[in-house]
PDB file of N, CA and C in Angstrom:
ATOM      1  N   MET A   1      -3.724 -28.603  -6.947  1.00  0.00           N
ATOM      2  CA  MET A   1      -4.530 -27.480  -7.399  1.00  0.00           C
ATOM      3  C   MET A   1      -3.997 -26.199  -6.772  1.00  0.00           C
ATOM      4  N   ALA A   2      -3.724 -25.220  -7.577  1.00  0.00           N
ATOM      5  CA  ALA A   2      -3.158 -23.961  -7.090  1.00  0.00           C
ATOM      6  C   ALA A   2      -4.244 -23.077  -6.491  1.00  0.00           C
ATOM      7  N   ARG A   3      -3.879 -22.407  -5.413  1.00  0.00           N
ATOM      8  CA  ARG A   3      -4.808 -21.473  -4.795  1.00  0.00           C
ATOM      9  C   ARG A   3      -4.634 -20.106  -5.425  1.00  0.00           C
ATOM     10  N   LYS A   4      -5.724 -19.395  -5.548  1.00  0.00           N
ATOM     11  CA  LYS A   4      -5.670 -18.034  -6.069  1.00  0.00           C
ATOM     12  C   LYS A   4      -5.322 -17.094  -4.919  1.00  0.00           C
ATOM     13  N   ARG A   5      -4.286 -16.282  -5.117  1.00  0.00           N
ATOM     14  CA  ARG A   5      -3.884 -15.335  -4.082  1.00  0.00           C
ATOM     15  C   ARG A   5      -4.737 -14.084  -4.180  1.00  0.00           C
ATOM     16  N   ARG A   6      -5.164 -13.622  -3.036  1.00  0.00           N
ATOM     17  CA  ARG A   6      -5.918 -12.377  -2.972  1.00  0.00           C
ATOM     18  C   ARG A   6      -5.064 -11.327  -2.287  1.00  0.00           C
ATOM     19  N   GLY A   7      -5.114 -10.126  -2.804  1.00  0.00           N
ATOM     20  CA  GLY A   7      -4.376  -9.033  -2.189  1.00  0.00           C
ATOM     21  C   GLY A   7      -5.040  -8.590  -0.903  1.00  0.00           C
ATOM     22  N   VAL A   8      -4.244  -8.150   0.032  1.00  0.00           N
ATOM     23  CA  VAL A   8      -4.756  -7.675   1.308  1.00  0.00           C
ATOM     24  C   VAL A   8      -5.212  -6.226   1.189  1.00  0.00           C
ATOM     25  N   MET A   9      -4.452  -5.447   0.417  1.00  0.00           N
ATOM     26  CA  MET A   9      -4.787  -4.031   0.257  1.00  0.00           C
ATOM     27  C   MET A   9      -5.593  -3.827  -1.021  1.00  0.00           C
ATOM     28  N   SER A  10      -6.532  -2.910  -0.950  1.00  0.00           N
ATOM     29  CA  SER A  10      -7.292  -2.573  -2.148  1.00  0.00           C
ATOM     30  C   SER A  10      -6.411  -1.763  -3.094  1.00  0.00           C
ATOM     31  N   ASP A  11      -6.735  -1.799  -4.360  1.00  0.00           N
ATOM     32  CA  ASP A  11      -5.996  -1.000  -5.335  1.00  0.00           C
ATOM     33  C   ASP A  11      -6.103   0.485  -4.998  1.00  0.00           C
ATOM     34  N   GLU A  12      -7.271   0.891  -4.525  1.00  0.00           N
ATOM     35  CA  GLU A  12      -7.476   2.290  -4.155  1.00  0.00           C
ATOM     36  C   GLU A  12      -6.478   2.711  -3.073  1.00  0.00           C
ATOM     37  N   LEU A  13      -6.290   1.871  -2.061  1.00  0.00           N
ATOM     38  CA  LEU A  13      -5.348   2.183  -0.990  1.00  0.00           C
ATOM     39  C   LEU A  13      -3.921   2.214  -1.513  1.00  0.00           C
ATOM     40  N   LYS A  14      -3.572   1.283  -2.382  1.00  0.00           N
ATOM     41  CA  LYS A  14      -2.219   1.252  -2.946  1.00  0.00           C
ATOM     42  C   LYS A  14      -1.910   2.552  -3.683  1.00  0.00           C
ATOM     43  N   TYR A  15      -2.839   3.012  -4.502  1.00  0.00           N
ATOM     44  CA  TYR A  15      -2.614   4.240  -5.262  1.00  0.00           C
ATOM     45  C   TYR A  15      -2.592   5.463  -4.346  1.00  0.00           C
ATOM     46  N   GLU A  16      -3.422   5.448  -3.310  1.00  0.00           N
ATOM     47  CA  GLU A  16      -3.435   6.554  -2.351  1.00  0.00           C
ATOM     48  C   GLU A  16      -2.083   6.648  -1.631  1.00  0.00           C
ATOM     49  N   LEU A  17      -1.550   5.510  -1.215  1.00  0.00           N
ATOM     50  CA  LEU A  17      -0.257   5.496  -0.544  1.00  0.00           C
ATOM     51  C   LEU A  17       0.865   5.903  -1.506  1.00  0.00           C
ATOM     52  N   ALA A  18       0.757   5.471  -2.756  1.00  0.00           N
ATOM     53  CA  ALA A  18       1.755   5.858  -3.760  1.00  0.00           C
ATOM     54  C   ALA A  18       1.763   7.372  -3.945  1.00  0.00           C
ATOM     55  N   GLU A  19       0.584   7.990  -3.932  1.00  0.00           N
ATOM     56  CA  GLU A  19       0.489   9.449  -4.022  1.00  0.00           C
ATOM     57  C   GLU A  19       1.195  10.094  -2.841  1.00  0.00           C
ATOM     58  N   GLU A  20       0.903   9.598  -1.633  1.00  0.00           N
ATOM     59  CA  GLU A  20       1.506  10.165  -0.425  1.00  0.00           C
ATOM     60  C   GLU A  20       3.030  10.041  -0.451  1.00  0.00           C
ATOM     61  N   LEU A  21       3.523   8.930  -0.964  1.00  0.00           N
ATOM     62  CA  LEU A  21       4.959   8.687  -0.994  1.00  0.00           C
ATOM     63  C   LEU A  21       5.645   9.410  -2.156  1.00  0.00           C
ATOM     64  N   GLY A  22       4.863   9.850  -3.138  1.00  0.00           N
ATOM     65  CA  GLY A  22       5.436  10.575  -4.263  1.00  0.00           C
ATOM     66  C   GLY A  22       5.896   9.691  -5.401  1.00  0.00           C
ATOM     67  N   VAL A  23       5.388   8.472  -5.480  1.00  0.00           N
ATOM     68  CA  VAL A  23       5.774   7.564  -6.562  1.00  0.00           C
ATOM     69  C   VAL A  23       4.608   7.243  -7.488  1.00  0.00           C
ATOM     70  N   ALA A  24       3.544   8.000  -7.377  1.00  0.00           N
ATOM     71  CA  ALA A  24       2.351   7.725  -8.184  1.00  0.00           C
ATOM     72  C   ALA A  24       2.626   7.858  -9.677  1.00  0.00           C
ATOM     73  N   ASP A  25       3.488   8.805 -10.056  1.00  0.00           N
ATOM     74  CA  ASP A  25       3.803   8.973 -11.479  1.00  0.00           C
ATOM     75  C   ASP A  25       4.505   7.733 -12.036  1.00  0.00           C
ATOM     76  N   ILE A  26       5.375   7.112 -11.253  1.00  0.00           N
ATOM     77  CA  ILE A  26       6.045   5.876 -11.664  1.00  0.00           C
ATOM     78  C   ILE A  26       5.021   4.757 -11.799  1.00  0.00           C
ATOM     79  N   VAL A  27       4.109   4.675 -10.833  1.00  0.00           N
ATOM     80  CA  VAL A  27       3.080   3.627 -10.866  1.00  0.00           C
ATOM     81  C   VAL A  27       2.208   3.782 -12.095  1.00  0.00           C
ATOM     82  N   ARG A  28       1.845   5.017 -12.431  1.00  0.00           N
ATOM     83  CA  ARG A  28       1.010   5.243 -13.619  1.00  0.00           C
ATOM     84  C   ARG A  28       1.740   4.855 -14.906  1.00  0.00           C
ATOM     85  N   ARG A  29       3.027   5.153 -14.977  1.00  0.00           N
ATOM     86  CA  ARG A  29       3.810   4.854 -16.180  1.00  0.00           C
ATOM     87  C   ARG A  29       4.178   3.379 -16.299  1.00  0.00           C
ATOM     88  N   GLU A  30       4.651   2.799 -15.178  1.00  0.00           N
ATOM     89  CA  GLU A  30       5.263   1.470 -15.239  1.00  0.00           C
ATOM     90  C   GLU A  30       4.565   0.408 -14.397  1.00  0.00           C
ATOM     91  N   GLY A  31       3.580   0.815 -13.619  1.00  0.00           N
ATOM     92  CA  GLY A  31       2.962  -0.120 -12.693  1.00  0.00           C
ATOM     93  C   GLY A  31       3.808  -0.234 -11.428  1.00  0.00           C
ATOM     94  N   PHE A  32       3.350  -1.020 -10.484  1.00  0.00           N
ATOM     95  CA  PHE A  32       4.072  -1.148  -9.222  1.00  0.00           C
ATOM     96  C   PHE A  32       5.406  -1.863  -9.402  1.00  0.00           C
ATOM     97  N   GLY A  33       5.576  -2.574 -10.506  1.00  0.00           N
ATOM     98  CA  GLY A  33       6.849  -3.234 -10.783  1.00  0.00           C
ATOM     99  C   GLY A  33       7.979  -2.256 -11.041  1.00  0.00           C
ATOM    100  N   GLY A  34       7.656  -1.017 -11.363  1.00  0.00           N
ATOM    101  CA  GLY A  34       8.670  -0.006 -11.612  1.00  0.00           C
ATOM    102  C   GLY A  34       9.116   0.734 -10.370  1.00  0.00           C
ATOM    103  N   VAL A  35       8.454   0.477  -9.256  1.00  0.00           N
ATOM    104  CA  VAL A  35       8.782   1.155  -8.002  1.00  0.00           C
ATOM    105  C   VAL A  35       9.969   0.432  -7.361  1.00  0.00           C
ATOM    106  N   THR A  36      10.902   1.197  -6.824  1.00  0.00           N
ATOM    107  CA  THR A  36      12.086   0.593  -6.213  1.00  0.00           C
ATOM    108  C   THR A  36      11.707  -0.244  -4.992  1.00  0.00           C
ATOM    109  N   SER A  37      12.575  -1.164  -4.654  1.00  0.00           N
ATOM    110  CA  SER A  37      12.347  -2.015  -3.482  1.00  0.00           C
ATOM    111  C   SER A  37      12.223  -1.173  -2.220  1.00  0.00           C
ATOM    112  N   ARG A  38      13.051  -0.154  -2.108  1.00  0.00           N
ATOM    113  CA  ARG A  38      12.987   0.713  -0.929  1.00  0.00           C
ATOM    114  C   ARG A  38      11.622   1.393  -0.834  1.00  0.00           C
ATOM    115  N   ASP A  39      11.139   1.918  -1.957  1.00  0.00           N
ATOM    116  CA  ASP A  39       9.840   2.589  -1.940  1.00  0.00           C
ATOM    117  C   ASP A  39       8.703   1.595  -1.692  1.00  0.00           C
ATOM    118  N   CYS A  40       8.826   0.378  -2.219  1.00  0.00           N
ATOM    119  CA  CYS A  40       7.816  -0.647  -1.922  1.00  0.00           C
ATOM    120  C   CYS A  40       7.785  -0.943  -0.428  1.00  0.00           C
ATOM    121  N   GLY A  41       8.949  -1.026   0.177  1.00  0.00           N
ATOM    122  CA  GLY A  41       9.018  -1.229   1.624  1.00  0.00           C
ATOM    123  C   GLY A  41       8.375  -0.083   2.374  1.00  0.00           C
ATOM    124  N   ASN A  42       8.607   1.138   1.896  1.00  0.00           N
ATOM    125  CA  ASN A  42       7.986   2.309   2.522  1.00  0.00           C
ATOM    126  C   ASN A  42       6.469   2.295   2.356  1.00  0.00           C
ATOM    127  N   LEU A  43       5.989   1.812   1.211  1.00  0.00           N
ATOM    128  CA  LEU A  43       4.538   1.687   1.005  1.00  0.00           C
ATOM    129  C   LEU A  43       3.933   0.704   2.012  1.00  0.00           C
ATOM    130  N   VAL A  44       4.609  -0.408   2.207  1.00  0.00           N
ATOM    131  CA  VAL A  44       4.131  -1.409   3.171  1.00  0.00           C
ATOM    132  C   VAL A  44       4.142  -0.822   4.577  1.00  0.00           C
ATOM    133  N   LYS A  45       5.215  -0.125   4.913  1.00  0.00           N
ATOM    134  CA  LYS A  45       5.322   0.499   6.232  1.00  0.00           C
ATOM    135  C   LYS A  45       4.169   1.482   6.466  1.00  0.00           C
ATOM    136  N   MET A  46       3.874   2.301   5.453  1.00  0.00           N
ATOM    137  CA  MET A  46       2.773   3.254   5.562  1.00  0.00           C
ATOM    138  C   MET A  46       1.439   2.540   5.736  1.00  0.00           C
ATOM    139  N   ALA A  47       1.252   1.448   5.013  1.00  0.00           N
ATOM    140  CA  ALA A  47       0.006   0.687   5.114  1.00  0.00           C
ATOM    141  C   ALA A  47      -0.149   0.097   6.517  1.00  0.00           C
ATOM    142  N   ILE A  48       0.935  -0.415   7.072  1.00  0.00           N
ATOM    143  CA  ILE A  48       0.881  -0.987   8.423  1.00  0.00           C
ATOM    144  C   ILE A  48       0.574   0.100   9.446  1.00  0.00           C
ATOM    145  N   GLU A  49       1.228   1.250   9.324  1.00  0.00           N
ATOM    146  CA  GLU A  49       0.973   2.360  10.243  1.00  0.00           C
ATOM    147  C   GLU A  49      -0.486   2.803  10.174  1.00  0.00           C
ATOM    148  N   ARG A  50      -1.014   2.866   8.954  1.00  0.00           N
ATOM    149  CA  ARG A  50      -2.414   3.275   8.793  1.00  0.00           C
ATOM    150  C   ARG A  50      -3.354   2.250   9.424  1.00  0.00           C
ATOM    151  N   ALA A  51      -3.057   0.969   9.224  1.00  0.00           N
ATOM    152  CA  ALA A  51      -3.894  -0.087   9.810  1.00  0.00           C
ATOM    153  C   ALA A  51      -3.832  -0.043  11.332  1.00  0.00           C
ATOM    154  N   GLU A  52      -2.652   0.200  11.881  1.00  0.00           N
ATOM    155  CA  GLU A  52      -2.512   0.284  13.336  1.00  0.00           C
ATOM    156  C   GLU A  52      -3.295   1.463  13.895  1.00  0.00           C
ATOM    157  N   ARG A  53      -3.260   2.609  13.194  1.00  0.00           N
ATOM    158  CA  ARG A  53      -4.038   3.776  13.637  1.00  0.00           C
ATOM    159  C   ARG A  53      -5.526   3.478  13.595  1.00  0.00           C
ATOM    160  N   THR A  54      -5.967   2.806  12.532  1.00  0.00           N
ATOM    161  CA  THR A  54      -7.380   2.475  12.397  1.00  0.00           C
ATOM    162  C   THR A  54      -7.831   1.569  13.533  1.00  0.00           C
ATOM    163  N   LEU A  55      -7.018   0.565  13.849  1.00  0.00           N
ATOM    164  CA  LEU A  55      -7.354  -0.348  14.952  1.00  0.00           C
ATOM    165  C   LEU A  55      -7.361   0.388  16.283  1.00  0.00           C
ATOM    166  N   ALA A  56      -6.397   1.288  16.493  1.00  0.00           N
ATOM    167  CA  ALA A  56      -6.350   2.042  17.737  1.00  0.00           C
ATOM    168  C   ALA A  56      -7.576   2.944  17.867  1.00  0.00           C
ATOM    169  N   ASP A  57      -7.989   3.555  16.759  1.00  0.00           N
ATOM    170  CA  ASP A  57      -9.183   4.409  16.773  1.00  0.00           C
ATOM    171  C   ASP A  57     -10.424   3.586  17.100  1.00  0.00           C
ATOM    172  N   GLN A  58     -10.492   2.365  16.585  1.00  0.00           N
ATOM    173  CA  GLN A  58     -11.647   1.503  16.861  1.00  0.00           C
ATOM    174  C   GLN A  58     -11.675   1.089  18.329  1.00  0.00           C
ATOM    175  N   ASP A  59     -10.512   0.864  18.917  1.00  0.00           N
ATOM    176  CA  ASP A  59     -10.436   0.484  20.332  1.00  0.00           C
ATOM    177  C   ASP A  59     -10.847   1.614  21.241  1.00  0.00           C
ATOM    178  N   ASP A  60     -10.612   2.860  20.812  1.00  0.00           N
ATOM    179  CA  ASP A  60     -10.957   4.030  21.617  1.00  0.00           C
ATOM    180  C   ASP A  60     -12.457   4.289  21.680  1.00  0.00           C
ATOM    181  N   LYS A  61     -13.180   3.732  20.740  1.00  0.00           N
ATOM    182  CA  LYS A  61     -14.634   3.994  20.674  1.00  0.00           C
ATOM    183  C   LYS A  61     -15.405   3.051  21.522  1.00  0.00           C
TER     184      LYS A  61
END
């Protein structure tokens, strides 16, 4: 029986990061499949950095 995969990031966060990286127009036209591998890697990097900042902010409180 196959397991259903769940995404870790919300769609809202993915689109927000795409805007920040400047690839949102590609995502709107072609979906995330149209984004280059390099830009996908940069999106992941940005998501990790944001998560690390969020965790650090929570630890400070």
